[in-house]
């Protein structure tokens, strides 16, 4: 007997250790440390899997991201993969300052790392400047 099946593109299996290295592109703006106290340009990515978009308390999201969250966007592996590959494509009116990883395996590795964030006791980040347009940034007075 022949059974027909529908082929659905799947997110490739990732390696969390390699994903931690990929995350170095992200940690100027984001943290996976549950105890992070610094005010970063991007929201915490700690326990992002299964979390509704624009749901980190106290973080000032862009209007575009808030609208997507209100419309029911929830971060899972497939949705995060789409967003990381093309932020503007998934949430029009938003962008990230770092160029997105175009390589499917790099994204899979990053997603494996982010999925592991529940067990992380401390993330690493840099104090490099970030110009993420997906998030509201404070106004700076001109001298």
N, C-alpha and C. Protein backbone atom coordinates (compact mmCIF):
# COMPACT_ATOMS: atom_id res chain seq x y z
N UNK A 1 0.84 -1.16 0.00
CA UNK A 1 0.00 0.00 0.00
C UNK A 1 0.89 1.24 0.00
N UNK A 2 0.54 2.23 -0.78
CA UNK A 2 1.29 3.48 -0.88
C UNK A 2 0.54 4.56 -0.13
N UNK A 3 1.23 5.22 0.78
CA UNK A 3 0.64 6.31 1.53
C UNK A 3 1.28 7.62 1.09
N UNK A 4 0.44 8.55 0.73
CA UNK A 4 0.95 9.88 0.37
C UNK A 4 1.12 10.68 1.65
N UNK A 5 2.15 11.49 1.67
CA UNK A 5 2.35 12.35 2.83
C UNK A 5 2.61 13.77 2.39
N UNK A 6 2.29 14.66 3.26
CA UNK A 6 2.58 16.07 3.01
C UNK A 6 3.94 16.36 3.61
N UNK A 7 4.80 16.94 2.82
CA UNK A 7 6.13 17.30 3.30
C UNK A 7 6.06 18.72 3.84
N UNK A 8 6.38 18.84 5.10
CA UNK A 8 6.40 20.15 5.76
C UNK A 8 7.84 20.48 6.09
N UNK A 9 8.35 21.62 5.63
CA UNK A 9 9.72 21.96 5.96
C UNK A 9 9.90 22.03 7.47
N UNK A 10 10.93 21.40 7.96
CA UNK A 10 11.21 21.39 9.39
C UNK A 10 12.45 22.21 9.69
N UNK A 11 12.51 22.72 10.88
CA UNK A 11 13.70 23.41 11.33
C UNK A 11 14.75 22.34 11.59
N UNK A 12 15.94 22.53 11.05
CA UNK A 12 17.01 21.55 11.21
C UNK A 12 17.35 21.39 12.69
N UNK A 13 17.84 20.20 13.03
CA UNK A 13 18.29 19.96 14.41
C UNK A 13 19.50 20.86 14.68
N UNK A 14 19.55 21.40 15.86
CA UNK A 14 20.63 22.32 16.19
C UNK A 14 21.50 21.82 17.31
N UNK A 15 22.65 22.44 17.43
CA UNK A 15 23.62 22.13 18.48
C UNK A 15 23.72 23.35 19.39
N UNK A 16 23.32 23.19 20.65
CA UNK A 16 23.28 24.33 21.58
C UNK A 16 24.65 24.94 21.82
N UNK A 17 25.71 24.11 21.82
CA UNK A 17 27.06 24.66 22.04
C UNK A 17 27.45 25.58 20.88
N UNK A 18 27.15 25.16 19.66
CA UNK A 18 27.43 26.04 18.51
C UNK A 18 26.51 27.25 18.55
N UNK A 19 25.27 27.04 19.01
CA UNK A 19 24.31 28.13 19.11
C UNK A 19 24.75 29.20 20.07
N UNK A 20 25.45 28.80 21.13
CA UNK A 20 25.98 29.80 22.07
C UNK A 20 26.97 30.72 21.37
N UNK A 21 27.75 30.17 20.46
CA UNK A 21 28.69 31.00 19.68
C UNK A 21 27.93 31.91 18.72
N UNK A 22 26.87 31.39 18.11
CA UNK A 22 26.06 32.22 17.21
C UNK A 22 25.41 33.36 18.00
N UNK A 23 25.02 33.08 19.24
CA UNK A 23 24.36 34.07 20.09
C UNK A 23 25.27 35.27 20.38
N UNK A 24 26.55 35.12 20.19
CA UNK A 24 27.46 36.25 20.40
C UNK A 24 27.08 37.44 19.52
N UNK A 25 26.43 37.17 18.39
CA UNK A 25 25.93 38.27 17.54
C UNK A 25 24.78 39.01 18.20
N UNK A 26 24.10 38.33 19.11
CA UNK A 26 22.87 38.85 19.70
C UNK A 26 23.07 39.50 21.06
N UNK A 27 24.13 39.12 21.77
CA UNK A 27 24.21 39.52 23.17
C UNK A 27 24.56 40.98 23.41
N UNK A 28 24.76 41.76 22.38
CA UNK A 28 24.89 43.20 22.58
C UNK A 28 23.53 43.80 22.94
N UNK A 29 22.47 43.14 22.50
CA UNK A 29 21.12 43.66 22.73
C UNK A 29 20.25 42.75 23.58
N UNK A 30 20.57 41.47 23.66
CA UNK A 30 19.72 40.50 24.34
C UNK A 30 20.51 39.71 25.37
N UNK A 31 19.79 39.16 26.34
CA UNK A 31 20.39 38.31 27.35
C UNK A 31 19.55 37.05 27.49
N UNK A 32 20.16 35.98 27.95
CA UNK A 32 19.43 34.77 28.33
C UNK A 32 19.62 34.51 29.82
N UNK A 33 20.15 35.50 30.52
CA UNK A 33 20.38 35.40 31.95
C UNK A 33 19.09 35.79 32.67
N UNK A 34 18.50 34.88 33.46
CA UNK A 34 17.25 35.21 34.14
C UNK A 34 17.41 36.32 35.18
N UNK A 35 18.63 36.60 35.60
CA UNK A 35 18.88 37.61 36.62
C UNK A 35 19.45 38.91 36.05
N UNK A 36 19.42 39.06 34.74
CA UNK A 36 19.98 40.25 34.09
C UNK A 36 19.30 41.50 34.62
N UNK A 37 20.09 42.45 35.07
CA UNK A 37 19.57 43.70 35.61
C UNK A 37 19.84 44.89 34.69
N UNK A 38 20.77 44.75 33.76
CA UNK A 38 21.09 45.86 32.86
C UNK A 38 19.92 46.13 31.93
N UNK A 39 19.75 47.39 31.57
CA UNK A 39 18.72 47.79 30.62
C UNK A 39 19.30 47.63 29.23
N UNK A 40 18.88 46.58 28.52
CA UNK A 40 19.40 46.30 27.18
C UNK A 40 18.43 46.82 26.12
N UNK A 41 18.91 46.93 24.89
CA UNK A 41 18.08 47.41 23.79
C UNK A 41 17.02 46.41 23.39
N UNK A 42 17.29 45.13 23.57
CA UNK A 42 16.33 44.09 23.22
C UNK A 42 15.83 43.40 24.48
N UNK A 43 14.69 42.73 24.37
CA UNK A 43 14.15 42.04 25.54
C UNK A 43 14.96 40.79 25.89
N UNK A 44 14.79 40.32 27.10
CA UNK A 44 15.42 39.07 27.51
C UNK A 44 14.88 37.93 26.65
N UNK A 45 15.76 37.04 26.27
CA UNK A 45 15.35 35.86 25.51
C UNK A 45 15.30 34.62 26.40
N UNK A 46 15.46 34.82 27.69
CA UNK A 46 15.35 33.73 28.65
C UNK A 46 13.93 33.16 28.58
N UNK A 47 13.82 31.85 28.40
CA UNK A 47 12.54 31.15 28.29
C UNK A 47 11.64 31.73 27.20
N UNK A 48 12.25 32.03 26.05
CA UNK A 48 11.46 32.61 24.96
C UNK A 48 10.52 31.59 24.31
N UNK A 49 10.91 30.32 24.29
CA UNK A 49 10.08 29.31 23.64
C UNK A 49 8.73 29.20 24.35
N UNK A 50 7.67 29.38 23.59
CA UNK A 50 6.32 29.30 24.13
C UNK A 50 5.79 30.61 24.70
N UNK A 51 6.61 31.64 24.65
CA UNK A 51 6.21 32.95 25.21
C UNK A 51 5.52 33.78 24.13
N UNK A 52 4.43 34.46 24.48
CA UNK A 52 3.81 35.38 23.50
C UNK A 52 4.77 36.53 23.17
N UNK A 53 4.67 37.03 21.96
CA UNK A 53 5.48 38.18 21.55
C UNK A 53 5.12 39.39 22.40
N UNK A 54 6.10 40.22 22.67
CA UNK A 54 5.92 41.48 23.41
C UNK A 54 5.39 41.24 24.82
N UNK A 55 5.91 40.21 25.50
CA UNK A 55 5.36 39.82 26.80
C UNK A 55 6.31 39.99 27.98
N UNK A 56 7.52 40.51 27.77
CA UNK A 56 8.43 40.69 28.91
C UNK A 56 7.98 41.93 29.68
N UNK A 57 7.59 41.73 30.94
CA UNK A 57 7.11 42.87 31.73
C UNK A 57 8.17 43.97 31.85
N UNK A 58 7.73 45.21 31.67
CA UNK A 58 8.63 46.35 31.83
C UNK A 58 9.45 46.68 30.61
N UNK A 59 9.42 45.83 29.57
CA UNK A 59 10.18 46.15 28.37
C UNK A 59 9.30 46.96 27.42
N UNK A 60 9.87 48.00 26.83
CA UNK A 60 9.13 48.88 25.93
C UNK A 60 9.29 48.39 24.49
N UNK A 61 8.31 47.66 24.00
CA UNK A 61 8.34 47.12 22.64
C UNK A 61 7.87 48.15 21.62
N UNK A 62 8.22 47.92 20.38
CA UNK A 62 7.72 48.77 19.30
C UNK A 62 6.22 48.52 19.12
N UNK A 63 5.56 49.46 18.48
CA UNK A 63 4.14 49.28 18.19
C UNK A 63 3.91 48.04 17.35
N UNK A 64 4.79 47.81 16.37
CA UNK A 64 4.64 46.65 15.48
C UNK A 64 4.70 45.34 16.26
N UNK A 65 5.64 45.24 17.19
CA UNK A 65 5.77 44.01 17.97
C UNK A 65 4.59 43.85 18.93
N UNK A 66 4.13 44.95 19.52
CA UNK A 66 2.96 44.88 20.41
C UNK A 66 1.72 44.42 19.64
N UNK A 67 1.56 44.93 18.43
CA UNK A 67 0.41 44.51 17.61
C UNK A 67 0.47 43.02 17.32
N UNK A 68 1.66 42.51 16.98
CA UNK A 68 1.80 41.08 16.70
C UNK A 68 1.51 40.25 17.94
N UNK A 69 1.99 40.72 19.09
CA UNK A 69 1.70 40.01 20.33
C UNK A 69 0.21 39.99 20.62
N UNK A 70 -0.46 41.12 20.43
CA UNK A 70 -1.89 41.21 20.67
C UNK A 70 -2.67 40.34 19.69
N UNK A 71 -2.10 40.13 18.50
CA UNK A 71 -2.76 39.29 17.50
C UNK A 71 -2.52 37.80 17.75
N UNK A 72 -1.69 37.47 18.77
CA UNK A 72 -1.53 36.06 19.12
C UNK A 72 -0.21 35.42 18.73
N UNK A 73 0.77 36.21 18.29
CA UNK A 73 2.06 35.63 17.94
C UNK A 73 2.73 35.04 19.18
N UNK A 74 3.10 33.77 19.08
CA UNK A 74 3.79 33.06 20.16
C UNK A 74 5.10 32.54 19.59
N UNK A 75 6.18 32.69 20.35
CA UNK A 75 7.50 32.26 19.89
C UNK A 75 7.67 30.75 20.09
N UNK A 76 7.78 30.05 18.98
CA UNK A 76 8.16 28.65 18.98
C UNK A 76 9.33 28.51 18.01
N UNK A 77 9.88 27.31 17.87
CA UNK A 77 11.06 27.14 17.01
C UNK A 77 10.83 27.62 15.59
N UNK A 78 9.72 27.24 15.00
CA UNK A 78 9.46 27.61 13.60
C UNK A 78 9.28 29.12 13.44
N UNK A 79 8.53 29.73 14.36
CA UNK A 79 8.28 31.17 14.28
C UNK A 79 9.56 31.96 14.54
N UNK A 80 10.34 31.53 15.53
CA UNK A 80 11.62 32.21 15.79
C UNK A 80 12.57 32.06 14.61
N UNK A 81 12.57 30.90 13.98
CA UNK A 81 13.42 30.69 12.81
C UNK A 81 13.04 31.68 11.72
N UNK A 82 11.76 31.83 11.46
CA UNK A 82 11.30 32.80 10.45
C UNK A 82 11.67 34.22 10.84
N UNK A 83 11.51 34.57 12.12
CA UNK A 83 11.80 35.93 12.56
C UNK A 83 13.29 36.22 12.49
N UNK A 84 14.11 35.29 12.95
CA UNK A 84 15.55 35.50 12.94
C UNK A 84 16.06 35.63 11.50
N UNK A 85 15.50 34.86 10.58
CA UNK A 85 15.92 34.91 9.18
C UNK A 85 15.49 36.21 8.50
N UNK A 86 14.31 36.73 8.89
CA UNK A 86 13.78 37.92 8.23
C UNK A 86 12.82 38.65 9.18
N UNK A 87 13.38 39.44 10.11
CA UNK A 87 12.52 40.12 11.09
C UNK A 87 11.41 40.96 10.44
N UNK A 88 11.76 41.73 9.43
CA UNK A 88 10.80 42.60 8.75
C UNK A 88 9.72 41.78 8.04
N UNK A 89 10.07 40.59 7.57
CA UNK A 89 9.10 39.75 6.88
C UNK A 89 8.03 39.21 7.81
N UNK A 90 8.39 38.90 9.04
CA UNK A 90 7.42 38.36 9.99
C UNK A 90 6.69 39.47 10.76
N UNK A 91 7.41 40.52 11.12
CA UNK A 91 6.82 41.63 11.87
C UNK A 91 7.16 42.92 11.12
N UNK A 92 6.35 43.27 10.12
CA UNK A 92 6.63 44.50 9.37
C UNK A 92 6.72 45.71 10.31
N UNK A 93 7.75 46.52 10.09
CA UNK A 93 7.97 47.68 10.94
C UNK A 93 8.97 47.41 12.04
N UNK A 94 9.62 46.27 11.97
CA UNK A 94 10.63 45.92 12.96
C UNK A 94 11.89 45.44 12.26
N UNK A 95 13.00 45.49 12.96
CA UNK A 95 14.27 45.03 12.41
C UNK A 95 15.25 44.83 13.55
N UNK A 96 16.31 44.14 13.26
CA UNK A 96 17.40 43.99 14.23
C UNK A 96 18.65 44.61 13.62
N UNK A 97 19.50 45.16 14.48
CA UNK A 97 20.70 45.82 13.97
C UNK A 97 21.72 44.82 13.45
N UNK A 98 21.80 43.67 14.06
CA UNK A 98 22.75 42.66 13.60
C UNK A 98 22.18 41.99 12.36
N UNK A 99 23.01 41.72 11.38
CA UNK A 99 22.50 41.02 10.20
C UNK A 99 22.03 39.62 10.60
N UNK A 100 20.88 39.22 10.12
CA UNK A 100 20.36 37.91 10.51
C UNK A 100 21.20 36.78 9.94
N UNK A 101 21.33 35.69 10.70
CA UNK A 101 22.03 34.53 10.15
C UNK A 101 21.20 33.93 9.01
N UNK A 102 21.74 33.92 7.83
CA UNK A 102 21.02 33.37 6.67
C UNK A 102 21.18 31.86 6.59
N UNK A 103 22.22 31.35 7.25
CA UNK A 103 22.49 29.92 7.20
C UNK A 103 21.50 29.17 8.09
N UNK A 104 20.78 28.22 7.51
CA UNK A 104 19.76 27.47 8.23
C UNK A 104 20.35 26.73 9.44
N UNK A 105 21.54 26.18 9.30
CA UNK A 105 22.15 25.45 10.41
C UNK A 105 22.53 26.39 11.56
N UNK A 106 23.03 27.56 11.24
CA UNK A 106 23.34 28.54 12.29
C UNK A 106 22.09 28.92 13.07
N UNK A 107 20.99 29.11 12.34
CA UNK A 107 19.73 29.44 13.02
C UNK A 107 19.26 28.27 13.88
N UNK A 108 19.39 27.05 13.37
CA UNK A 108 19.00 25.87 14.15
C UNK A 108 19.84 25.76 15.42
N UNK A 109 21.13 26.04 15.29
CA UNK A 109 22.01 26.01 16.47
C UNK A 109 21.60 27.08 17.47
N UNK A 110 21.31 28.28 16.98
CA UNK A 110 20.87 29.37 17.85
C UNK A 110 19.57 29.00 18.56
N UNK A 111 18.64 28.41 17.84
CA UNK A 111 17.36 28.00 18.43
C UNK A 111 17.56 26.92 19.48
N UNK A 112 18.50 26.01 19.26
CA UNK A 112 18.79 24.99 20.26
C UNK A 112 19.33 25.64 21.53
N UNK A 113 20.17 26.64 21.37
CA UNK A 113 20.72 27.37 22.52
C UNK A 113 19.60 28.13 23.24
N UNK A 114 18.76 28.83 22.51
CA UNK A 114 17.67 29.58 23.14
C UNK A 114 16.69 28.63 23.82
N UNK A 115 16.45 27.48 23.24
CA UNK A 115 15.56 26.50 23.84
C UNK A 115 16.11 25.95 25.14
N UNK A 116 17.40 25.98 25.27
CA UNK A 116 18.06 25.50 26.48
C UNK A 116 18.09 26.56 27.57
N UNK A 117 17.66 27.78 27.26
CA UNK A 117 17.81 28.88 28.21
C UNK A 117 17.08 28.66 29.53
N UNK A 118 16.13 27.78 29.57
CA UNK A 118 15.42 27.48 30.81
C UNK A 118 16.41 26.98 31.86
N UNK A 119 17.41 26.24 31.42
CA UNK A 119 18.35 25.64 32.36
C UNK A 119 19.56 26.52 32.64
N UNK A 120 19.69 27.63 31.93
CA UNK A 120 20.86 28.47 32.11
C UNK A 120 20.79 29.24 33.42
N UNK A 121 21.89 29.32 34.09
CA UNK A 121 21.91 30.08 35.34
C UNK A 121 22.53 31.46 35.13
N UNK A 122 23.19 31.67 34.03
CA UNK A 122 23.77 32.99 33.77
C UNK A 122 24.16 33.11 32.31
N UNK A 123 23.69 34.17 31.66
CA UNK A 123 24.04 34.40 30.27
C UNK A 123 25.19 35.37 30.17
N UNK A 124 25.72 35.49 28.97
CA UNK A 124 26.79 36.46 28.74
C UNK A 124 26.30 37.45 27.72
N UNK A 125 26.77 38.64 27.83
CA UNK A 125 26.42 39.67 26.87
C UNK A 125 27.55 40.69 26.81
N UNK A 126 27.47 41.53 25.84
CA UNK A 126 28.46 42.57 25.66
C UNK A 126 27.81 43.92 25.91
N UNK A 127 28.59 44.91 26.17
CA UNK A 127 28.05 46.25 26.34
C UNK A 127 28.16 47.06 25.05
N UNK A 128 28.36 46.38 23.92
CA UNK A 128 28.42 47.08 22.64
C UNK A 128 27.09 47.75 22.36
N UNK A 129 27.13 48.82 21.62
CA UNK A 129 25.90 49.56 21.29
C UNK A 129 25.03 48.74 20.36
N UNK A 130 23.73 48.95 20.47
CA UNK A 130 22.76 48.27 19.63
C UNK A 130 21.79 49.30 19.09
N UNK A 131 21.39 49.13 17.86
CA UNK A 131 20.42 50.04 17.28
C UNK A 131 19.22 49.26 16.76
N UNK A 132 18.73 48.33 17.56
CA UNK A 132 17.57 47.54 17.17
C UNK A 132 16.37 48.44 16.96
N UNK A 133 15.78 48.39 15.79
CA UNK A 133 14.59 49.20 15.52
C UNK A 133 13.32 48.47 15.90
N UNK A 134 13.44 47.20 16.33
CA UNK A 134 12.24 46.45 16.71
C UNK A 134 11.78 46.83 18.10
N UNK A 135 12.54 47.64 18.77
CA UNK A 135 12.22 48.02 20.12
C UNK A 135 12.29 49.53 20.24
N UNK A 136 11.52 50.09 21.10
CA UNK A 136 11.55 51.52 21.32
C UNK A 136 12.82 51.86 22.07
N UNK A 137 13.53 52.85 21.62
CA UNK A 137 14.76 53.26 22.30
C UNK A 137 14.55 54.63 22.91
N UNK A 138 15.19 54.88 24.03
CA UNK A 138 15.00 56.19 24.68
C UNK A 138 15.55 57.32 23.82
N UNK A 139 14.88 58.45 23.92
CA UNK A 139 15.34 59.63 23.18
C UNK A 139 16.61 60.17 23.85
N UNK A 140 17.51 60.65 23.04
CA UNK A 140 18.77 61.22 23.55
C UNK A 140 18.75 62.70 23.20
N UNK A 141 18.93 63.53 24.20
CA UNK A 141 18.95 64.98 23.96
C UNK A 141 20.22 65.38 23.24
N UNK A 142 20.07 66.22 22.27
CA UNK A 142 21.22 66.73 21.52
C UNK A 142 21.88 67.84 22.33
N UNK A 143 23.23 67.91 22.35
CA UNK A 143 23.90 69.00 23.09
C UNK A 143 23.71 70.33 22.43
